[in-house]
N, C-alpha and C. Protein backbone atom coordinates (compact mmCIF):
# COMPACT_ATOMS: atom_id res chain seq x y z
N MET A 1 -19.97 -11.90 -19.86
CA MET A 1 -19.68 -11.86 -18.47
C MET A 1 -20.94 -11.70 -17.55
N PRO A 2 -21.26 -12.42 -16.15
CA PRO A 2 -22.44 -12.24 -15.44
C PRO A 2 -22.17 -10.83 -14.98
N ASP A 3 -23.38 -10.45 -14.85
CA ASP A 3 -23.74 -8.96 -13.97
C ASP A 3 -22.99 -8.42 -13.04
N GLY A 4 -22.68 -7.64 -13.17
CA GLY A 4 -22.19 -7.12 -11.65
C GLY A 4 -20.54 -7.31 -11.79
N VAL A 5 -20.02 -8.46 -12.43
CA VAL A 5 -18.32 -8.51 -12.58
C VAL A 5 -17.66 -7.45 -13.12
N PRO A 6 -16.83 -6.91 -12.61
CA PRO A 6 -16.10 -5.66 -12.99
C PRO A 6 -15.32 -6.37 -13.95
N ILE A 7 -15.29 -5.65 -15.22
CA ILE A 7 -14.54 -5.96 -16.29
C ILE A 7 -13.38 -4.78 -16.35
N ILE A 8 -12.25 -5.02 -16.02
CA ILE A 8 -11.09 -4.36 -15.86
C ILE A 8 -10.07 -4.41 -16.75
N LEU A 9 -9.78 -3.26 -17.51
CA LEU A 9 -8.49 -3.41 -18.59
C LEU A 9 -7.53 -2.49 -17.76
N LEU A 10 -6.43 -3.16 -18.07
CA LEU A 10 -5.01 -2.81 -17.76
C LEU A 10 -4.40 -1.91 -18.68
N THR A 11 -4.62 -0.91 -18.34
CA THR A 11 -3.94 -0.25 -19.33
C THR A 11 -3.10 1.18 -18.44
N PRO A 12 -2.22 2.07 -19.40
CA PRO A 12 -1.30 3.00 -18.42
C PRO A 12 -2.22 4.52 -18.79
N GLU A 13 -3.72 4.08 -19.25
CA GLU A 13 -4.64 5.46 -19.09
C GLU A 13 -5.58 5.18 -18.08
N GLY A 14 -5.44 4.18 -17.14
CA GLY A 14 -6.40 3.54 -16.07
C GLY A 14 -6.02 4.78 -14.88
N ARG A 15 -7.03 4.84 -13.62
CA ARG A 15 -6.54 5.17 -12.83
C ARG A 15 -5.66 4.31 -12.08
N THR A 16 -4.62 5.16 -11.26
CA THR A 16 -3.67 4.37 -10.71
C THR A 16 -3.85 3.41 -9.61
N PHE A 17 -3.36 2.09 -9.72
CA PHE A 17 -3.52 1.02 -8.58
C PHE A 17 -2.82 1.06 -7.62
N ASN A 18 -3.37 1.16 -6.52
CA ASN A 18 -2.83 1.40 -5.28
C ASN A 18 -3.41 0.47 -3.86
N GLN A 19 -3.29 0.40 -2.89
CA GLN A 19 -3.85 -0.21 -1.74
C GLN A 19 -5.32 0.17 -1.53
N THR A 20 -5.47 1.18 -1.75
CA THR A 20 -7.15 1.73 -1.48
C THR A 20 -7.55 0.60 -2.77
N VAL A 21 -7.10 0.64 -4.29
CA VAL A 21 -7.98 -0.19 -5.07
C VAL A 21 -7.83 -1.16 -4.80
N ALA A 22 -6.68 -1.68 -4.21
CA ALA A 22 -6.77 -3.26 -3.91
C ALA A 22 -7.53 -3.79 -3.04
N ASP A 23 -8.03 -2.76 -1.90
CA ASP A 23 -8.95 -2.97 -0.72
C ASP A 23 -10.51 -3.00 -1.44
N GLU A 24 -10.59 -2.19 -2.11
CA GLU A 24 -11.70 -2.35 -2.99
C GLU A 24 -12.53 -3.36 -3.71
N LEU A 25 -11.29 -3.73 -4.56
CA LEU A 25 -11.28 -4.96 -5.21
C LEU A 25 -11.36 -6.09 -4.49
N SER A 26 -10.93 -6.29 -3.36
CA SER A 26 -10.87 -7.38 -2.60
C SER A 26 -12.36 -7.95 -2.14
N LYS A 27 -13.24 -6.64 -2.05
CA LYS A 27 -14.28 -6.87 -2.04
C LYS A 27 -15.36 -7.57 -2.81
N ARG A 28 -15.15 -7.54 -4.09
CA ARG A 28 -15.66 -8.10 -5.01
C ARG A 28 -15.49 -9.48 -4.93
N GLN A 29 -16.77 -10.64 -5.30
CA GLN A 29 -16.71 -11.91 -5.60
C GLN A 29 -15.96 -12.41 -6.35
N ARG A 30 -15.79 -11.56 -7.93
CA ARG A 30 -15.25 -12.03 -9.11
C ARG A 30 -14.73 -10.88 -9.45
N LEU A 31 -13.80 -11.03 -10.60
CA LEU A 31 -12.89 -9.83 -11.27
C LEU A 31 -13.06 -10.36 -12.64
N ALA A 32 -12.76 -9.67 -13.53
CA ALA A 32 -12.22 -10.06 -14.95
C ALA A 32 -11.46 -9.10 -15.41
N LEU A 33 -10.09 -9.53 -15.98
CA LEU A 33 -8.83 -8.55 -15.98
C LEU A 33 -8.27 -8.80 -17.54
N ILE A 34 -8.45 -7.80 -18.55
CA ILE A 34 -8.60 -7.97 -20.08
C ILE A 34 -6.82 -7.18 -20.05
N CYS A 35 -6.19 -8.06 -20.46
CA CYS A 35 -4.91 -7.68 -20.90
C CYS A 35 -4.24 -7.56 -22.30
N GLY A 36 -3.76 -6.42 -22.68
CA GLY A 36 -3.91 -5.87 -23.77
C GLY A 36 -2.39 -6.56 -24.51
N ARG A 37 -1.57 -6.54 -25.54
CA ARG A 37 -0.29 -6.84 -25.80
C ARG A 37 -0.06 -5.85 -26.74
N TYR A 38 1.25 -5.16 -26.54
CA TYR A 38 1.74 -4.27 -27.68
C TYR A 38 0.90 -2.87 -27.52
N GLU A 39 0.29 -3.33 -28.42
CA GLU A 39 -0.98 -1.47 -28.74
C GLU A 39 -2.21 -1.81 -28.17
N GLY A 40 -2.37 -2.61 -27.29
CA GLY A 40 -3.56 -2.42 -26.39
C GLY A 40 -4.47 -3.71 -27.15
N VAL A 41 -6.03 -3.01 -26.82
CA VAL A 41 -6.79 -4.04 -27.29
C VAL A 41 -7.61 -2.92 -28.19
N ASP A 42 -8.78 -3.74 -28.91
CA ASP A 42 -9.63 -2.86 -29.59
C ASP A 42 -10.58 -1.89 -28.88
N GLU A 43 -10.76 -0.88 -29.59
CA GLU A 43 -11.23 0.15 -29.04
C GLU A 43 -12.75 0.02 -28.52
N ARG A 44 -13.52 -1.00 -29.30
CA ARG A 44 -14.67 -1.30 -29.30
C ARG A 44 -14.76 -2.50 -27.87
N ILE A 45 -14.13 -2.98 -27.35
CA ILE A 45 -13.98 -3.61 -26.34
C ILE A 45 -13.91 -2.67 -25.30
N ARG A 46 -12.92 -1.75 -25.11
CA ARG A 46 -13.03 -0.54 -23.80
C ARG A 46 -14.55 -0.33 -23.79
N THR A 47 -14.91 0.37 -24.88
CA THR A 47 -16.23 0.97 -24.99
C THR A 47 -17.32 0.23 -24.59
N GLN A 48 -17.58 -0.97 -25.26
CA GLN A 48 -18.49 -2.00 -25.06
C GLN A 48 -18.77 -2.55 -23.84
N LEU A 49 -17.56 -3.11 -23.13
CA LEU A 49 -17.16 -4.15 -22.31
C LEU A 49 -16.63 -3.71 -20.82
N VAL A 50 -15.69 -2.78 -21.16
CA VAL A 50 -15.05 -2.33 -19.83
C VAL A 50 -15.85 -1.35 -18.74
N THR A 51 -15.58 -2.09 -17.60
CA THR A 51 -16.39 -0.86 -16.52
C THR A 51 -15.08 -0.64 -15.84
N ASP A 52 -13.68 -0.65 -15.76
CA ASP A 52 -12.96 -0.30 -15.11
C ASP A 52 -11.61 -0.18 -15.83
N GLU A 53 -10.63 1.22 -15.84
CA GLU A 53 -9.55 0.89 -16.57
C GLU A 53 -8.54 1.24 -15.23
N ILE A 54 -7.27 0.08 -14.78
CA ILE A 54 -6.52 0.34 -14.03
C ILE A 54 -4.98 0.51 -14.72
N SER A 55 -3.99 1.04 -14.26
CA SER A 55 -2.76 1.60 -14.47
C SER A 55 -1.75 0.98 -13.39
N ILE A 56 -0.49 0.50 -13.51
CA ILE A 56 0.17 -0.04 -12.35
C ILE A 56 1.25 1.02 -11.99
N GLY A 57 1.24 2.03 -12.98
CA GLY A 57 1.96 3.36 -12.96
C GLY A 57 2.40 3.93 -14.09
N ASP A 58 3.14 5.14 -14.14
CA ASP A 58 3.07 5.40 -15.29
C ASP A 58 4.45 5.21 -16.10
N PHE A 59 4.17 4.29 -16.55
CA PHE A 59 5.19 3.37 -17.18
C PHE A 59 4.61 2.51 -18.17
N VAL A 60 5.24 1.97 -19.61
CA VAL A 60 4.67 1.06 -20.20
C VAL A 60 5.22 -0.31 -20.45
N ILE A 61 4.69 -1.28 -20.28
CA ILE A 61 5.49 -2.58 -20.55
C ILE A 61 4.85 -3.55 -21.50
N SER A 62 5.07 -4.47 -21.99
CA SER A 62 4.73 -5.01 -23.22
C SER A 62 3.41 -5.43 -23.73
N GLY A 63 2.69 -5.95 -22.58
CA GLY A 63 1.44 -6.47 -21.94
C GLY A 63 0.80 -6.37 -20.72
N GLY A 64 -0.47 -6.67 -20.50
CA GLY A 64 -0.60 -6.47 -19.18
C GLY A 64 -0.67 -7.74 -18.07
N GLU A 65 -0.26 -8.68 -18.95
CA GLU A 65 -0.10 -10.03 -17.76
C GLU A 65 0.73 -9.71 -16.40
N LEU A 66 2.05 -9.25 -16.86
CA LEU A 66 2.38 -8.81 -15.42
C LEU A 66 1.72 -7.76 -14.60
N ALA A 67 1.19 -6.75 -15.24
CA ALA A 67 -0.03 -5.90 -14.21
C ALA A 67 -1.23 -6.94 -13.80
N ALA A 68 -1.56 -7.71 -14.32
CA ALA A 68 -2.45 -8.57 -13.76
C ALA A 68 -2.18 -9.71 -12.82
N MET A 69 -0.82 -9.91 -12.77
CA MET A 69 -0.30 -10.94 -11.72
C MET A 69 -0.15 -9.71 -10.75
N LEU A 70 0.21 -8.76 -10.60
CA LEU A 70 0.65 -7.83 -9.30
C LEU A 70 -1.04 -7.56 -8.84
N ILE A 71 -1.72 -7.09 -9.44
CA ILE A 71 -3.07 -7.15 -8.85
C ILE A 71 -3.90 -8.29 -8.12
N VAL A 72 -3.53 -9.43 -9.12
CA VAL A 72 -3.97 -10.48 -8.44
C VAL A 72 -3.43 -10.83 -7.11
N ASP A 73 -2.07 -10.58 -6.76
CA ASP A 73 -1.52 -11.15 -5.65
C ASP A 73 -1.75 -9.83 -4.67
N ALA A 74 -1.97 -8.73 -4.87
CA ALA A 74 -2.00 -7.76 -3.68
C ALA A 74 -3.44 -7.86 -3.69
N VAL A 75 -4.66 -8.50 -4.45
CA VAL A 75 -5.78 -8.54 -3.94
C VAL A 75 -6.37 -9.49 -3.06
N THR A 76 -5.46 -10.88 -3.38
CA THR A 76 -5.86 -11.95 -2.72
C THR A 76 -5.37 -12.21 -1.43
N ARG A 77 -3.84 -11.33 -1.32
CA ARG A 77 -3.44 -11.07 -0.14
C ARG A 77 -4.59 -10.66 1.49
N LEU A 78 -5.54 -10.10 0.59
CA LEU A 78 -6.32 -9.45 1.20
C LEU A 78 -7.81 -10.04 1.69
N LEU A 79 -7.57 -11.10 1.12
CA LEU A 79 -8.92 -12.04 1.18
C LEU A 79 -8.64 -12.75 2.88
N PRO A 80 -9.78 -13.01 3.19
CA PRO A 80 -9.71 -13.83 4.77
C PRO A 80 -9.03 -14.99 4.70
N GLY A 81 -8.01 -15.32 5.37
CA GLY A 81 -7.12 -16.68 5.44
C GLY A 81 -6.32 -16.70 4.68
N ALA A 82 -5.93 -15.90 3.44
CA ALA A 82 -4.80 -15.87 2.60
C ALA A 82 -3.49 -15.85 2.79
N LEU A 83 -3.34 -15.26 4.47
CA LEU A 83 -2.00 -15.06 4.91
C LEU A 83 -2.02 -15.80 6.14
N GLY A 84 -2.70 -16.27 6.52
CA GLY A 84 -2.78 -17.33 7.87
C GLY A 84 -3.26 -16.60 9.05
N HIS A 85 -2.91 -15.32 9.37
CA HIS A 85 -3.10 -14.51 10.40
C HIS A 85 -4.10 -13.32 9.64
N PRO A 86 -5.48 -13.02 10.59
CA PRO A 86 -6.16 -12.34 10.26
C PRO A 86 -5.98 -10.93 9.83
N LEU A 87 -4.62 -10.37 10.86
CA LEU A 87 -4.34 -9.04 10.71
C LEU A 87 -3.12 -8.95 9.87
N GLY A 88 -2.71 -9.84 9.02
CA GLY A 88 -1.45 -9.75 8.42
C GLY A 88 -1.42 -8.60 7.35
N ALA A 89 -2.26 -8.86 6.39
CA ALA A 89 -2.31 -7.68 5.64
C ALA A 89 -2.92 -6.38 6.06
N TYR A 90 -3.36 -6.60 7.22
CA TYR A 90 -4.21 -5.42 7.88
C TYR A 90 -2.85 -4.23 8.73
N GLN A 91 -1.72 -4.54 8.73
CA GLN A 91 -0.52 -4.10 9.22
C GLN A 91 0.50 -3.69 8.18
N ASP A 92 0.39 -3.96 6.91
CA ASP A 92 1.27 -3.89 5.89
C ASP A 92 1.58 -2.14 5.49
N SER A 93 2.73 -2.05 5.08
CA SER A 93 2.81 -0.71 4.30
C SER A 93 1.64 -0.29 3.64
N HIS A 94 1.25 1.02 3.85
CA HIS A 94 -0.30 1.77 3.25
C HIS A 94 -1.31 0.97 3.64
N SER A 95 -1.44 0.87 4.55
CA SER A 95 -2.79 -0.07 5.22
C SER A 95 -3.27 0.36 6.24
N ALA A 96 -4.70 0.24 6.48
CA ALA A 96 -5.28 0.92 7.50
C ALA A 96 -5.17 0.80 8.99
N GLY A 97 -4.35 -0.52 8.95
CA GLY A 97 -3.85 -0.71 10.24
C GLY A 97 -2.46 0.02 10.53
N VAL A 98 -1.89 0.78 9.90
CA VAL A 98 -0.36 1.66 10.22
C VAL A 98 -1.01 3.09 9.43
N GLY A 99 -2.50 3.38 9.49
CA GLY A 99 -2.42 4.69 9.28
C GLY A 99 -2.40 5.25 7.61
N GLY A 100 -1.79 4.37 7.15
CA GLY A 100 -1.76 4.76 5.79
C GLY A 100 0.04 5.21 5.48
N VAL A 101 0.62 4.68 6.25
CA VAL A 101 2.02 5.32 6.15
C VAL A 101 2.72 3.83 5.70
N LEU A 102 4.29 3.90 5.70
CA LEU A 102 5.03 2.66 5.30
C LEU A 102 5.02 1.90 6.86
N GLU A 103 5.32 0.81 6.73
CA GLU A 103 5.60 -0.28 8.10
C GLU A 103 7.01 0.06 8.29
N GLY A 104 6.87 -0.10 9.37
CA GLY A 104 8.65 0.26 10.17
C GLY A 104 9.74 -0.89 9.81
N PRO A 105 10.83 -0.77 10.04
CA PRO A 105 11.55 -1.93 9.85
C PRO A 105 11.41 -3.36 10.51
N GLN A 106 11.85 -4.41 9.95
CA GLN A 106 11.59 -5.84 10.49
C GLN A 106 12.71 -6.36 10.83
N TYR A 107 12.88 -7.10 11.90
CA TYR A 107 14.05 -8.02 12.53
C TYR A 107 13.76 -9.41 12.76
N THR A 108 14.69 -10.12 12.22
CA THR A 108 14.23 -11.73 12.42
C THR A 108 15.52 -12.18 13.31
N ARG A 109 15.95 -13.78 12.62
CA ARG A 109 17.18 -14.00 13.32
C ARG A 109 17.99 -13.97 12.34
N PRO A 110 19.54 -14.01 12.94
CA PRO A 110 20.01 -14.02 14.38
C PRO A 110 19.84 -12.95 15.09
N PRO A 111 20.23 -12.94 16.35
CA PRO A 111 19.93 -11.58 16.92
C PRO A 111 21.05 -10.62 16.49
N VAL A 112 21.83 -11.18 16.26
CA VAL A 112 23.30 -10.17 15.75
C VAL A 112 23.41 -10.55 14.03
N PHE A 113 23.27 -9.38 13.53
CA PHE A 113 23.77 -9.67 12.03
C PHE A 113 25.17 -8.97 11.74
N ARG A 114 26.36 -9.71 11.25
CA ARG A 114 27.47 -8.68 10.76
C ARG A 114 27.37 -7.49 12.01
N GLY A 115 27.80 -7.77 12.89
CA GLY A 115 28.05 -6.96 14.12
C GLY A 115 26.74 -6.17 14.87
N GLU A 116 25.71 -5.95 14.10
CA GLU A 116 24.73 -5.21 14.56
C GLU A 116 23.27 -6.07 14.93
N PRO A 117 23.28 -5.73 16.63
CA PRO A 117 22.30 -6.45 16.97
C PRO A 117 20.70 -5.75 16.66
N ILE A 118 19.81 -6.42 17.19
CA ILE A 118 18.62 -6.28 16.88
C ILE A 118 18.30 -5.04 17.80
N PRO A 119 17.41 -4.10 18.05
CA PRO A 119 17.43 -3.06 18.95
C PRO A 119 16.72 -3.93 20.11
N PRO A 120 17.33 -3.50 20.98
CA PRO A 120 16.67 -4.00 22.93
C PRO A 120 15.28 -3.94 22.97
N ILE A 121 14.82 -3.05 22.58
CA ILE A 121 13.41 -2.72 22.74
C ILE A 121 12.57 -4.18 22.11
N LEU A 122 13.24 -5.01 21.29
CA LEU A 122 12.49 -5.74 20.39
C LEU A 122 12.55 -7.00 21.34
N THR A 123 13.22 -7.01 22.57
CA THR A 123 13.47 -8.19 23.77
C THR A 123 12.93 -7.69 24.76
N SER A 124 12.54 -6.68 24.91
CA SER A 124 12.10 -5.82 26.59
C SER A 124 10.78 -6.59 27.03
N GLY A 125 10.27 -7.06 26.26
CA GLY A 125 8.96 -7.85 26.76
C GLY A 125 8.00 -6.62 27.29
N HIS A 126 8.21 -5.28 27.17
CA HIS A 126 7.22 -4.02 27.52
C HIS A 126 6.61 -3.61 26.22
N HIS A 127 4.92 -4.45 26.15
CA HIS A 127 4.41 -3.98 24.65
C HIS A 127 4.06 -2.98 24.59
N ALA A 128 3.63 -1.71 25.55
CA ALA A 128 3.31 -0.71 25.18
C ALA A 128 4.74 0.58 24.52
N ASN A 129 5.75 0.19 25.12
CA ASN A 129 6.91 0.76 24.81
C ASN A 129 7.14 0.07 23.16
N LEU A 130 7.04 -1.02 23.02
CA LEU A 130 7.34 -1.47 21.45
C LEU A 130 6.46 -1.21 20.76
N THR A 131 4.90 -1.32 20.83
CA THR A 131 3.86 -0.79 20.30
C THR A 131 4.34 0.76 19.96
N ARG A 132 4.67 1.87 20.81
CA ARG A 132 4.84 3.04 20.24
C ARG A 132 6.21 2.95 19.51
N TRP A 133 7.40 2.19 19.89
CA TRP A 133 8.53 2.42 18.95
C TRP A 133 8.15 1.95 17.81
N ARG A 134 7.38 1.06 17.40
CA ARG A 134 6.88 0.32 16.26
C ARG A 134 6.24 1.82 15.34
N ARG A 135 5.34 2.53 15.98
CA ARG A 135 4.85 3.20 15.44
C ARG A 135 5.50 4.32 15.17
N GLU A 136 6.60 5.06 15.99
CA GLU A 136 7.46 5.70 15.26
C GLU A 136 8.52 5.21 14.58
N GLN A 137 9.06 4.51 14.34
CA GLN A 137 9.98 3.70 13.23
C GLN A 137 9.23 3.55 11.75
N ALA A 138 7.79 3.59 11.97
CA ALA A 138 6.83 3.60 10.85
C ALA A 138 6.87 4.88 10.14
N LEU A 139 6.64 5.85 11.41
CA LEU A 139 6.48 7.36 10.73
C LEU A 139 7.87 7.67 10.42
N LEU A 140 9.08 7.71 11.16
CA LEU A 140 10.53 7.77 10.72
C LEU A 140 10.52 7.38 9.16
N ARG A 141 10.21 6.13 8.93
CA ARG A 141 10.55 5.74 7.80
C ARG A 141 9.81 6.35 6.71
N THR A 142 8.24 6.78 6.72
CA THR A 142 7.31 7.19 5.84
C THR A 142 8.04 8.85 5.60
N LEU A 143 8.70 9.29 6.48
CA LEU A 143 9.08 10.83 6.73
C LEU A 143 10.14 10.83 5.78
N ALA A 144 11.10 9.61 5.88
CA ALA A 144 12.39 9.81 5.28
C ALA A 144 12.50 9.23 3.46
N ARG A 145 11.32 8.07 3.41
CA ARG A 145 10.95 7.47 2.25
C ARG A 145 10.05 8.21 1.35
N ARG A 146 8.89 8.26 1.90
CA ARG A 146 7.86 8.70 1.09
C ARG A 146 6.93 10.03 2.18
N PRO A 147 7.55 10.87 2.20
CA PRO A 147 7.02 11.93 3.19
C PRO A 147 5.82 12.48 2.21
N ASP A 148 5.72 11.97 0.76
CA ASP A 148 3.85 12.70 0.32
C ASP A 148 3.06 11.59 1.16
N LEU A 149 3.21 10.58 1.66
CA LEU A 149 2.08 9.67 1.88
C LEU A 149 1.59 10.77 3.43
N LEU A 150 2.36 11.12 4.07
CA LEU A 150 1.91 11.96 5.50
C LEU A 150 0.71 12.72 4.98
N ARG A 151 0.66 13.64 3.38
CA ARG A 151 -0.51 14.17 3.68
C ARG A 151 -1.97 13.72 3.61
N SER A 152 -1.92 12.40 3.59
CA SER A 152 -3.07 11.44 3.72
C SER A 152 -3.06 10.48 4.75
N ALA A 153 -2.07 10.34 5.22
CA ALA A 153 -2.32 9.55 6.26
C ALA A 153 -2.54 9.77 7.47
N VAL A 154 -3.60 9.01 8.48
CA VAL A 154 -3.86 8.76 9.39
C VAL A 154 -3.04 9.32 10.76
N LEU A 155 -3.24 10.58 11.36
CA LEU A 155 -2.28 10.37 12.07
C LEU A 155 -2.95 11.36 13.60
N SER A 156 -2.24 11.07 14.77
CA SER A 156 -2.83 11.25 16.00
C SER A 156 -1.79 12.24 16.20
N ALA A 157 -2.46 13.31 17.28
CA ALA A 157 -1.65 14.40 18.05
C ALA A 157 -0.12 13.98 18.16
N ALA A 158 -0.04 13.04 18.84
CA ALA A 158 1.32 12.02 19.10
C ALA A 158 2.15 12.01 17.78
N ASP A 159 1.62 11.45 16.86
CA ASP A 159 2.44 11.01 15.81
C ASP A 159 2.72 12.57 15.20
N ARG A 160 1.87 13.64 15.13
CA ARG A 160 2.16 14.76 14.59
C ARG A 160 3.36 15.55 15.42
N ARG A 161 3.24 15.41 16.47
CA ARG A 161 4.46 16.20 17.20
C ARG A 161 5.39 15.34 17.10
N PHE A 162 5.67 14.10 17.35
CA PHE A 162 6.76 12.92 16.87
C PHE A 162 7.70 13.25 15.76
N LEU A 163 6.45 13.38 14.61
CA LEU A 163 6.89 13.71 13.42
C LEU A 163 7.76 15.17 12.88
N LYS A 164 7.38 16.14 13.87
CA LYS A 164 7.74 17.66 14.25
C LYS A 164 8.99 17.75 14.59
N GLU A 165 9.13 16.93 15.64
CA GLU A 165 10.23 16.65 16.70
C GLU A 165 11.60 16.23 15.54
N ASN A 166 11.10 15.66 14.60
CA ASN A 166 11.81 15.06 13.75
C ASN A 166 12.10 15.52 12.23
N GLY A 167 11.78 16.79 12.53
CA GLY A 167 11.94 17.82 11.09
C GLY A 167 11.04 17.80 10.18
N TRP A 168 9.78 17.38 10.36
CA TRP A 168 8.49 17.45 9.18
C TRP A 168 7.95 18.58 9.47
N ASP A 169 7.84 19.26 8.08
CA ASP A 169 7.00 20.77 7.94
C ASP A 169 5.76 20.60 7.21
N PRO A 170 4.61 20.10 8.34
CA PRO A 170 3.24 19.66 7.68
C PRO A 170 2.81 20.90 6.66
N PRO A 171 2.45 20.48 5.50
CA PRO A 171 2.24 21.52 4.43
C PRO A 171 0.96 22.41 5.00
N ASP A 172 0.06 21.87 5.65
CA ASP A 172 -1.16 22.85 6.09
C ASP A 172 -0.47 23.90 7.39
N GLU A 173 0.87 23.87 7.65
CA GLU A 173 1.48 25.01 8.65
C GLU A 173 2.21 25.58 8.19
N ARG A 174 2.63 25.69 7.16
CA ARG A 174 3.48 26.31 6.40
C ARG A 174 3.33 27.69 6.30
N PRO A 175 3.79 28.96 6.26
CA PRO A 175 3.69 30.29 6.03
C PRO A 175 3.17 30.55 4.76
N GLY A 176 1.92 30.99 4.41
CA GLY A 176 1.21 31.22 3.25
C GLY A 176 0.57 30.04 2.54
N SER A 177 0.46 29.22 3.18
CA SER A 177 -0.38 27.58 2.68
C SER A 177 -2.12 27.61 3.18
N VAL A 178 -2.48 27.13 2.60
CA VAL A 178 -4.07 27.53 2.87
C VAL A 178 -4.85 26.28 3.19
């Protein structure tokens, strides 16, 4: 391998892959991914060649090929031009553009599906209200589905106020917390 090319072993023993790691890897010119099969790879490969070890989660699969595909997809979509719009990946769940929270709900056509219309705010034309609504929806979704993300999310004072109004009990404000 050329000097400076990360040689990544896909293993359940590695650091956990997430959006931050995907962003880090997207800044590299090239990557080499080693995929073990069944019991993994020879220990000498790990100790003599591997520069990083990555896990896609706390479970075991039969080989690293699926893990490699996940990593390639997550990293590729962060490359300039991959999604067609420069801010496409920047505004996704877990990304810097949403402050590390989940993205809010998406609505497409038709305007009414099984009797449920899209929220009127989406057709209001009031961009400031729409921006605030999208942020609030992202915060509500994160609070309901992944409240753990709020510990490290980038939250404004307005975000914190909105979350508290909707039942969030921030860890740093609980009695007895440090």
